[in-house]
Each structure stands twice: as C-alpha cells, then as structure tokens.
Amino acid sequence: MAGFGYQYASFDAQDGARALREAVRHHDARLEEYEQACQALLDGVSIRNAGNVAAYDALLRAICGSAGSAAAVV
C-alpha cells in the first residue's frame, strides 16, 4: 500500500523515526489530503465500484461460462 500512510524502509529504525517525526509535525495540516487519499483507496477496492463488479462478473463468466444470467447488485 505504498503511498498511503507514513512509509519507511523495512526494519530501518532511523527511517521509522523520521516518518514518525513527519507525522507528528504535519499530520493535522495534511488531514484533508490524507482522508481523500484513503477514500480513493477504499473506493478502488469497494464491492460497489462498478469497474470491480464488471471485472468480477467477467472472471466468473470466464470460469463458469455465460450460462444463466447473473444480476449484479450495485
């Protein structure tokens, strides 16, 4: 989930400390931007995302064939 939250290199305590300082200093000022990024991430994986529903429908049809008609719930 690169690009979301506060990132630092794996097991790098110095980089982790830097990320923590960054969060403490700037989180409130960037809160609206942070919330928008989180919402975009959640929307991208939502079961109500029309693109996700279409892709899932296509996969199911490829696996099961197009026998019957599946009604998508969006």
C-alpha atoms as a PDB file:
ATOM      1  CA  MET A   1       0.000   0.000   0.000  1.00  0.00           C
ATOM      2  CA  ALA A   2       2.762   2.331  -0.950  1.00  0.00           C
ATOM      3  CA  GLY A   3       1.709   5.935  -0.992  1.00  0.00           C
ATOM      4  CA  PHE A   4      -0.756   5.644   1.897  1.00  0.00           C
ATOM      5  CA  GLY A   5       0.022   6.437   5.477  1.00  0.00           C
ATOM      6  CA  TYR A   6       3.545   7.041   6.683  1.00  0.00           C
ATOM      7  CA  GLN A   7       6.096   4.866   4.944  1.00  0.00           C
ATOM      8  CA  TYR A   8       9.614   3.869   5.884  1.00  0.00           C
ATOM      9  CA  ALA A   9      12.081   1.234   4.770  1.00  0.00           C
ATOM     10  CA  SER A  10      11.623  -2.190   6.347  1.00  0.00           C
ATOM     11  CA  PHE A  11      13.380  -2.608   9.684  1.00  0.00           C
ATOM     12  CA  ASP A  12      15.112   0.786   9.359  1.00  0.00           C
ATOM     13  CA  ALA A  13      14.697   2.379  12.789  1.00  0.00           C
ATOM     14  CA  GLN A  14      16.211   5.689  11.663  1.00  0.00           C
ATOM     15  CA  ASP A  15      13.789   5.942   8.742  1.00  0.00           C
ATOM     16  CA  GLY A  16      10.930   4.916  11.048  1.00  0.00           C
ATOM     17  CA  ALA A  17      11.864   7.728  13.436  1.00  0.00           C
ATOM     18  CA  ARG A  18      11.926  10.160  10.510  1.00  0.00           C
ATOM     19  CA  ALA A  19       8.443   9.028   9.419  1.00  0.00           C
ATOM     20  CA  LEU A  20       7.149   9.433  12.978  1.00  0.00           C
ATOM     21  CA  ARG A  21       8.572  12.965  13.235  1.00  0.00           C
ATOM     22  CA  GLU A  22       6.971  13.799   9.871  1.00  0.00           C
ATOM     23  CA  ALA A  23       3.607  12.501  11.087  1.00  0.00           C
ATOM     24  CA  VAL A  24       3.750  14.447  14.356  1.00  0.00           C
ATOM     25  CA  ARG A  25       4.736  17.693  12.633  1.00  0.00           C
ATOM     26  CA  HIS A  26       2.459  17.641   9.599  1.00  0.00           C
ATOM     27  CA  HIS A  27      -0.464  15.234  10.054  1.00  0.00           C
ATOM     28  CA  ASP A  28      -3.049  17.827  11.089  1.00  0.00           C
ATOM     29  CA  ALA A  29      -2.114  20.164   8.243  1.00  0.00           C
ATOM     30  CA  ARG A  30      -2.428  17.307   5.736  1.00  0.00           C
ATOM     31  CA  LEU A  31      -5.506  15.665   7.235  1.00  0.00           C
ATOM     32  CA  GLU A  32      -7.894  16.555   4.396  1.00  0.00           C
ATOM     33  CA  GLU A  33      -5.408  15.283   1.777  1.00  0.00           C
ATOM     34  CA  TYR A  34      -4.852  12.114   3.825  1.00  0.00           C
ATOM     35  CA  GLU A  35      -8.602  11.458   4.151  1.00  0.00           C
ATOM     36  CA  GLN A  36      -9.108  11.954   0.397  1.00  0.00           C
ATOM     37  CA  ALA A  37      -6.295   9.520  -0.410  1.00  0.00           C
ATOM     38  CA  CYS A  38      -7.740   6.925   1.988  1.00  0.00           C
ATOM     39  CA  GLN A  39     -11.207   7.322   0.486  1.00  0.00           C
ATOM     40  CA  ALA A  40      -9.782   6.897  -3.030  1.00  0.00           C
ATOM     41  CA  LEU A  41      -8.035   3.699  -1.909  1.00  0.00           C
ATOM     42  CA  LEU A  42     -11.226   2.322  -0.361  1.00  0.00           C
ATOM     43  CA  ASP A  43     -13.300   3.290  -3.410  1.00  0.00           C
ATOM     44  CA  GLY A  44     -10.807   1.472  -5.625  1.00  0.00           C
ATOM     45  CA  VAL A  45     -11.346  -1.847  -3.834  1.00  0.00           C
ATOM     46  CA  SER A  46     -15.024  -1.431  -2.982  1.00  0.00           C
ATOM     47  CA  ILE A  47     -17.549  -4.094  -3.887  1.00  0.00           C
ATOM     48  CA  ARG A  48     -19.743  -1.204  -5.031  1.00  0.00           C
ATOM     49  CA  ASN A  49     -17.159   0.024  -7.546  1.00  0.00           C
ATOM     50  CA  ALA A  50     -18.711  -0.558 -10.992  1.00  0.00           C
ATOM     51  CA  GLY A  51     -15.327  -1.448 -12.502  1.00  0.00           C
ATOM     52  CA  ASN A  52     -14.713  -4.074  -9.826  1.00  0.00           C
ATOM     53  CA  VAL A  53     -18.184  -5.543 -10.315  1.00  0.00           C
ATOM     54  CA  ALA A  54     -17.664  -5.733 -14.081  1.00  0.00           C
ATOM     55  CA  ALA A  55     -14.240  -7.360 -13.705  1.00  0.00           C
ATOM     56  CA  TYR A  56     -15.574  -9.897 -11.193  1.00  0.00           C
ATOM     57  CA  ASP A  57     -18.536 -10.648 -13.458  1.00  0.00           C
ATOM     58  CA  ALA A  58     -16.181 -11.205 -16.402  1.00  0.00           C
ATOM     59  CA  LEU A  59     -13.995 -13.548 -14.348  1.00  0.00           C
ATOM     60  CA  LEU A  60     -16.984 -15.562 -13.164  1.00  0.00           C
ATOM     61  CA  ARG A  61     -18.316 -15.827 -16.697  1.00  0.00           C
ATOM     62  CA  ALA A  62     -14.909 -16.969 -17.924  1.00  0.00           C
ATOM     63  CA  ILE A  63     -14.746 -19.645 -15.237  1.00  0.00           C
ATOM     64  CA  CYS A  64     -18.369 -20.766 -15.253  1.00  0.00           C
ATOM     65  CA  GLY A  65     -19.381 -19.891 -18.763  1.00  0.00           C
ATOM     66  CA  SER A  66     -22.143 -17.483 -19.534  1.00  0.00           C
ATOM     67  CA  ALA A  67     -24.918 -19.958 -18.740  1.00  0.00           C
ATOM     68  CA  GLY A  68     -27.667 -18.240 -16.857  1.00  0.00           C
ATOM     69  CA  SER A  69     -27.831 -14.547 -16.203  1.00  0.00           C
ATOM     70  CA  ALA A  70     -26.299 -13.130 -13.090  1.00  0.00           C
ATOM     71  CA  ALA A  71     -27.871  -9.980 -11.740  1.00  0.00           C
ATOM     72  CA  ALA A  72     -25.242  -7.622 -10.418  1.00  0.00           C
ATOM     73  CA  VAL A  73     -26.023  -5.837  -7.184  1.00  0.00           C
ATOM     74  CA  VAL A  74     -24.511  -2.399  -7.133  1.00  0.00           C
END
